C-alpha cells in the first residue's frame, strides 16, 4: 500500500506540475525512449547479477509491494522462545533441549510461536549455536567471534539486492542520456523539417533524460532504500539471538539474557521490559503445562 501511495504521489506531483505550468502531456509519451531506458536497465541488471540475486530481487520487490515488515510481536516471540530454551537448559541441562533444536517444527517449545517458525534461516541460526553449546563450546569469546563473522557474511548477502537496485538507480540517469542523445541524433538527421516538427523531435529526445532521472530518484532508488531497511530489520533478529546466547555463556540467568536480547533492537520495534516479562512468564507457564500433560 505504501509503495503504491508513494509511486502515485511521485508521478502525480511531477506530471501534475508539468501540466499546471502549461506543458503538453502528449509530448511526454515517448514509447521508444521508454523501451530504450527500461530495456537497457533490465539488460544491464541481468548481466550484473547472479540468478539467485535476480530471484531474490523479485521476492524483495513483492514483499515491499505487499507492505510486509517484521512486526514487533515477532521479535517479542523470538525473545520468549530463546528465554524458554535457555531456561530449560539452565535448569535441566542442554541435553534436555537437544530434541527441540534437532526438530524445531515438532518441538512443543518452538510450536508455541508459529510466527517465529516462518523465519527458517533465523531458526537454523539459533539451533546451530545451541547445538554448538550442547557439544561443549562454552567459551563466550570464541562463540561471539564466530557469530560476528557469520553475521558479517549474512549482512553482505542480505545487502546484495538493495545494492543491485541502487546500482540500477544510479545507472538510469545515464541511460536516459543515452536515449536523449539518440533522439537528438535522429532530430539532427531531420534538420530540414519544419520548425514545429523539429521542435517535437527535440522535445521527445529530452524526455529521455527526464524519464531516466525520474525513474532513478522517484522509483528505483526509493525501492532500493526500502529493501535495505527491510533487510536490516531481518538482520536485527539475528543480533537479538546473538546477544541472548552470549549473555547465557557468560553465566547470566535466562531473564537477564532476554533483557540483553531486547536491548539490541531498534527503538520502534523494541518491546518494553514489562512486555518481555509478560511474554517470558507465558512461556514458563506453557512449559509447565506441557510438563504436567506429559506426566
Protein backbone atom coordinates (compact mmCIF):
# COMPACT_ATOMS: atom_id res chain seq x y z
CA UNK A 1 0.00 0.00 0.00
CA UNK A 2 2.79 2.43 0.88
CA UNK A 3 4.60 1.57 -2.34
CA UNK A 4 1.54 2.34 -4.44
CA UNK A 5 0.83 5.53 -2.50
CA UNK A 6 4.42 6.67 -2.91
CA UNK A 7 4.53 5.98 -6.65
CA UNK A 8 1.19 7.70 -7.21
CA UNK A 9 2.39 10.70 -5.20
CA UNK A 10 5.66 10.92 -7.17
CA UNK A 11 4.16 10.64 -10.64
CA UNK A 12 1.07 12.72 -9.84
CA UNK A 13 3.21 15.53 -8.41
CA UNK A 14 5.68 15.57 -11.30
CA UNK A 15 3.20 15.16 -14.13
CA UNK A 16 0.62 17.37 -12.45
CA UNK A 17 3.22 20.10 -12.01
CA UNK A 18 4.22 19.81 -15.66
CA UNK A 19 0.58 20.10 -16.75
CA UNK A 20 -0.04 23.03 -14.40
CA UNK A 21 2.81 25.02 -15.96
CA UNK A 22 1.19 24.60 -19.35
CA UNK A 23 3.06 21.53 -20.57
CA UNK A 24 1.56 19.24 -23.16
CA UNK A 25 1.21 15.75 -21.73
CA UNK A 26 1.36 14.12 -25.15
CA UNK A 27 4.98 15.23 -25.53
CA UNK A 28 5.98 13.03 -22.59
CA UNK A 29 4.58 9.89 -24.20
CA UNK A 30 7.66 8.55 -25.94
CA UNK A 31 7.34 4.74 -26.12
CA UNK A 32 10.68 4.29 -27.89
CA UNK A 33 12.53 6.28 -25.22
CA UNK A 34 10.84 4.19 -22.51
CA UNK A 35 11.86 0.95 -24.26
CA UNK A 36 15.48 2.14 -24.56
CA UNK A 37 15.80 3.15 -20.91
CA UNK A 38 13.88 0.30 -19.27
CA UNK A 39 15.15 -2.36 -21.67
CA UNK A 40 18.79 -1.32 -21.25
CA UNK A 41 18.32 -1.10 -17.49
CA UNK A 42 16.85 -4.59 -17.23
CA UNK A 43 19.53 -5.99 -19.52
CA UNK A 44 22.34 -4.42 -17.53
CA UNK A 45 20.75 -5.61 -14.28
CA UNK A 46 20.61 -9.18 -15.62
CA UNK A 47 24.27 -9.02 -16.71
CA UNK A 48 25.49 -7.62 -13.40
CA UNK A 49 23.73 -10.02 -11.04
CA UNK A 50 23.56 -13.75 -10.46
CA UNK A 51 20.33 -15.74 -10.98
CA UNK A 52 19.96 -16.02 -7.20
CA UNK A 53 20.05 -12.23 -6.81
CA UNK A 54 17.57 -11.81 -9.68
CA UNK A 55 15.12 -14.20 -7.98
CA UNK A 56 15.68 -12.56 -4.62
CA UNK A 57 15.03 -9.15 -6.17
CA UNK A 58 11.63 -10.27 -7.39
CA UNK A 59 10.80 -11.58 -3.92
CA UNK A 60 12.04 -8.39 -2.26
CA UNK A 61 10.02 -6.12 -4.55
CA UNK A 62 6.95 -8.32 -3.98
CA UNK A 63 7.43 -8.01 -0.22
CA UNK A 64 7.71 -4.23 -0.49
CA UNK A 65 4.61 -4.08 -2.70
CA UNK A 66 2.64 -6.04 -0.09
CA UNK A 67 3.97 -3.76 2.64
CA UNK A 68 5.27 -6.66 4.71
CA UNK A 69 7.65 -5.82 7.55
CA UNK A 70 8.95 -7.71 10.57
CA UNK A 71 6.34 -6.92 13.26
CA UNK A 72 7.29 -6.04 16.82
CA UNK A 73 5.44 -9.11 18.10
CA UNK A 74 7.72 -11.40 16.11
CA UNK A 75 10.75 -10.02 17.93
CA UNK A 76 8.91 -10.45 21.22
CA UNK A 77 8.09 -14.06 20.34
CA UNK A 78 11.72 -14.73 19.42
CA UNK A 79 12.89 -13.35 22.76
CA UNK A 80 10.33 -15.50 24.58
CA UNK A 81 11.40 -18.58 22.61
CA UNK A 82 15.09 -18.06 23.37
CA UNK A 83 14.22 -17.46 27.02
CA UNK A 84 12.23 -20.71 27.15
CA UNK A 85 15.09 -22.71 25.63
CA UNK A 86 17.71 -21.18 27.91
CA UNK A 87 15.51 -21.65 30.95
CA UNK A 88 15.24 -25.39 30.29
CA UNK A 89 18.98 -25.60 29.51
CA UNK A 90 19.88 -23.74 32.71
CA UNK A 91 17.67 -25.79 35.00
CA UNK A 92 17.89 -29.25 33.42
CA UNK A 93 20.94 -29.17 31.18
CA UNK A 94 21.49 -28.67 27.45
CA UNK A 95 20.66 -32.32 26.79
CA UNK A 96 17.01 -31.55 27.56
CA UNK A 97 16.65 -29.29 24.52
CA UNK A 98 18.58 -31.41 22.01
CA UNK A 99 15.36 -32.90 20.63
CA UNK A 100 13.87 -29.41 20.32
CA UNK A 101 16.78 -27.98 18.36
CA UNK A 102 17.10 -31.07 16.16
CA UNK A 103 13.44 -30.89 15.06
CA UNK A 104 12.12 -27.38 15.72
CA UNK A 105 8.92 -27.92 13.72
CA UNK A 106 7.94 -30.76 16.07
CA UNK A 107 9.12 -29.15 19.29
CA UNK A 108 6.48 -28.04 21.84
CA UNK A 109 8.74 -25.09 22.68
CA UNK A 110 9.04 -23.87 19.10
CA UNK A 111 5.45 -24.55 18.08
CA UNK A 112 4.25 -22.13 20.76
CA UNK A 113 5.50 -19.42 18.40
CA UNK A 114 4.27 -20.24 14.86
CA UNK A 115 5.16 -16.76 13.59
CA UNK A 116 8.79 -17.28 14.54
CA UNK A 117 8.92 -20.62 12.71
CA UNK A 118 8.37 -18.69 9.45
CA UNK A 119 11.93 -17.36 9.77
CA UNK A 120 13.58 -20.59 8.63
CA UNK A 121 17.12 -19.28 8.38
CA UNK A 122 16.88 -17.50 11.69
CA UNK A 123 15.68 -20.67 13.41
CA UNK A 124 18.58 -22.55 11.83
CA UNK A 125 20.98 -19.91 13.16
CA UNK A 126 19.55 -20.30 16.68
CA UNK A 127 19.58 -24.11 16.63
CA UNK A 128 23.09 -24.33 15.20
CA UNK A 129 24.59 -22.29 18.02
CA UNK A 130 22.56 -24.02 20.70
CA UNK A 131 23.88 -27.29 19.26
CA UNK A 132 27.45 -25.98 19.49
CA UNK A 133 26.87 -25.08 23.12
CA UNK A 134 25.42 -28.54 23.75
CA UNK A 135 28.55 -30.06 22.19
CA UNK A 136 30.71 -28.27 24.74
CA UNK A 137 31.63 -24.97 23.07
CA UNK A 138 31.07 -22.82 26.14
CA UNK A 139 33.73 -20.16 25.55
CA UNK A 140 31.72 -16.93 25.12
CA UNK A 141 34.53 -15.11 23.29
CA UNK A 142 35.04 -17.84 20.69
CA UNK A 143 31.32 -18.25 20.05
CA UNK A 144 30.73 -14.50 19.88
CA UNK A 145 33.58 -14.17 17.38
CA UNK A 146 32.11 -16.93 15.21
CA UNK A 147 28.65 -15.38 15.34
CA UNK A 148 30.08 -11.97 14.42
CA UNK A 149 31.78 -13.47 11.36
CA UNK A 150 28.62 -15.27 10.28
CA UNK A 151 26.52 -12.14 10.76
CA UNK A 152 29.01 -10.13 8.73
CA UNK A 153 28.68 -12.65 5.89
CA UNK A 154 24.91 -12.70 6.26
CA UNK A 155 24.79 -8.91 6.21
CA UNK A 156 26.70 -8.81 2.92
CA UNK A 157 24.41 -11.45 1.47
CA UNK A 158 21.24 -9.65 2.55
CA UNK A 159 22.60 -6.41 1.10
CA UNK A 160 23.04 -7.88 -2.38
CA UNK A 161 19.54 -6.97 -3.54
CA UNK A 162 19.50 -3.40 -2.16
CA UNK A 163 22.96 -2.83 -3.63
CA UNK A 164 21.90 -4.19 -7.02
CA UNK A 165 18.78 -2.00 -7.05
CA UNK A 166 20.82 1.05 -6.05
CA UNK A 167 23.28 0.36 -8.87
CA UNK A 168 20.34 0.24 -11.27
CA UNK A 169 19.05 3.54 -9.87
CA UNK A 170 22.48 5.10 -10.35
CA UNK A 171 22.59 3.88 -13.97
CA UNK A 172 19.14 5.09 -15.05
CA UNK A 173 20.03 8.80 -15.46
CA UNK A 174 22.92 7.82 -17.74
CA UNK A 175 20.63 5.53 -19.74
CA UNK A 176 18.22 8.46 -20.01
CA UNK A 177 21.04 10.50 -21.52
CA UNK A 178 21.72 7.69 -23.99
CA UNK A 179 18.09 7.78 -25.08
CA UNK A 180 18.22 11.58 -25.30
CA UNK A 181 21.38 11.56 -27.41
CA UNK A 182 19.82 9.05 -29.81
CA UNK A 183 16.78 11.30 -30.06
CA UNK A 184 18.95 14.34 -30.80
CA UNK A 185 20.84 12.37 -33.46
CA UNK A 186 17.52 11.47 -35.01
CA UNK A 187 16.41 15.11 -34.87
CA UNK A 188 19.64 16.31 -36.49
CA UNK A 189 19.00 13.89 -39.33
CA UNK A 190 15.73 15.71 -39.96
CA UNK A 191 17.16 19.24 -39.68
CA UNK A 192 15.44 20.28 -42.90
CA UNK A 193 11.98 19.58 -41.49
CA UNK A 194 9.61 22.34 -40.43
CA UNK A 195 10.42 24.03 -37.07
CA UNK A 196 7.37 22.54 -35.32
CA UNK A 197 8.36 19.02 -36.41
CA UNK A 198 11.96 19.54 -35.37
CA UNK A 199 10.88 21.01 -32.05
CA UNK A 200 8.67 18.00 -31.35
CA UNK A 201 11.54 15.64 -32.10
CA UNK A 202 13.97 17.52 -29.82
CA UNK A 203 11.36 17.68 -27.07
CA UNK A 204 10.86 13.94 -27.36
CA UNK A 205 14.62 13.41 -27.17
CA UNK A 206 14.91 15.45 -23.96
CA UNK A 207 12.14 13.34 -22.47
CA UNK A 208 14.69 10.51 -22.23
CA UNK A 209 16.78 12.47 -19.73
CA UNK A 210 13.63 13.33 -17.76
CA UNK A 211 12.47 9.71 -17.63
CA UNK A 212 15.88 8.41 -16.59
CA UNK A 213 16.15 10.85 -13.67
CA UNK A 214 12.52 10.34 -12.60
CA UNK A 215 12.76 6.55 -12.61
CA UNK A 216 16.05 6.70 -10.72
CA UNK A 217 15.18 9.11 -7.92
CA UNK A 218 11.42 8.68 -7.86
CA UNK A 219 11.06 4.92 -8.17
CA UNK A 220 14.05 2.55 -8.19
CA UNK A 221 16.14 4.48 -5.64
CA UNK A 222 13.35 4.56 -3.01
CA UNK A 223 12.63 0.86 -3.62
CA UNK A 224 16.33 0.10 -3.03
CA UNK A 225 16.21 2.07 0.22
CA UNK A 226 13.05 0.23 1.34
CA UNK A 227 14.69 -3.13 0.55
CA UNK A 228 17.75 -2.14 2.59
CA UNK A 229 15.62 -1.19 5.59
CA UNK A 230 13.74 -4.48 5.48
CA UNK A 231 16.97 -6.47 5.24
CA UNK A 232 18.40 -4.58 8.23
CA UNK A 233 15.19 -5.33 10.11
CA UNK A 234 15.64 -9.04 9.32
CA UNK A 235 19.25 -8.91 10.50
CA UNK A 236 18.11 -7.49 13.84
CA UNK A 237 16.55 -10.85 14.68
CA UNK A 238 19.99 -12.48 14.47
CA UNK A 239 21.61 -9.85 16.67
CA UNK A 240 18.83 -10.43 19.17
CA UNK A 241 19.69 -14.15 19.32
CA UNK A 242 23.41 -13.44 19.49
CA UNK A 243 23.03 -11.10 22.47
CA UNK A 244 20.97 -13.63 24.41
CA UNK A 245 23.29 -16.59 23.77
CA UNK A 246 26.44 -14.64 24.61
CA UNK A 247 24.87 -13.45 27.85
CA UNK A 248 23.95 -17.06 28.68
CA UNK A 249 27.52 -18.25 28.13
CA UNK A 250 28.77 -15.55 30.49
CA UNK A 251 26.59 -17.04 33.21
CA UNK A 252 23.61 -14.69 33.12
CA UNK A 253 20.20 -16.10 34.12
CA UNK A 254 17.63 -16.56 31.32
CA UNK A 255 15.63 -13.47 32.30
CA UNK A 256 18.76 -11.32 32.02
CA UNK A 257 19.53 -12.97 28.66
CA UNK A 258 16.08 -11.91 27.47
CA UNK A 259 16.88 -8.35 28.52
CA UNK A 260 20.15 -8.44 26.56
CA UNK A 261 18.19 -9.58 23.50
CA UNK A 262 15.66 -6.78 23.94
CA UNK A 263 18.24 -4.02 24.25
CA UNK A 264 19.87 -4.59 20.83
CA UNK A 265 16.63 -3.87 18.94
CA UNK A 266 15.75 -0.56 17.31
CA UNK A 267 13.57 1.74 19.39
CA UNK A 268 10.49 1.47 17.16
CA UNK A 269 10.40 -2.34 17.41
CA UNK A 270 11.92 -2.76 20.86
CA UNK A 271 9.40 -4.27 23.31
CA UNK A 272 9.26 -2.80 26.78
CA UNK A 273 10.67 -4.59 29.81
CA UNK A 274 7.11 -5.24 31.01
CA UNK A 275 6.15 -6.80 27.65
CA UNK A 276 9.17 -9.10 27.78
CA UNK A 277 8.35 -10.12 31.36
CA UNK A 278 4.78 -10.98 30.35
CA UNK A 279 5.93 -12.94 27.28
CA UNK A 280 8.55 -14.91 29.22
CA UNK A 281 6.06 -15.60 32.01
CA UNK A 282 3.64 -17.02 29.46
CA UNK A 283 6.47 -19.15 28.06
CA UNK A 284 7.20 -20.53 31.54
CA UNK A 285 3.53 -21.28 32.15
CA UNK A 286 3.20 -23.06 28.81
CA UNK A 287 6.28 -25.17 29.55
CA UNK A 288 4.94 -26.10 32.99
CA UNK A 289 1.57 -27.03 31.45
CA UNK A 290 3.27 -29.22 28.84
CA UNK A 291 5.28 -30.90 31.60
CA UNK A 292 2.14 -31.71 33.57
CA UNK A 293 0.44 -33.11 30.49
CA UNK A 294 3.46 -35.29 29.71
CA UNK A 295 3.45 -36.56 33.31
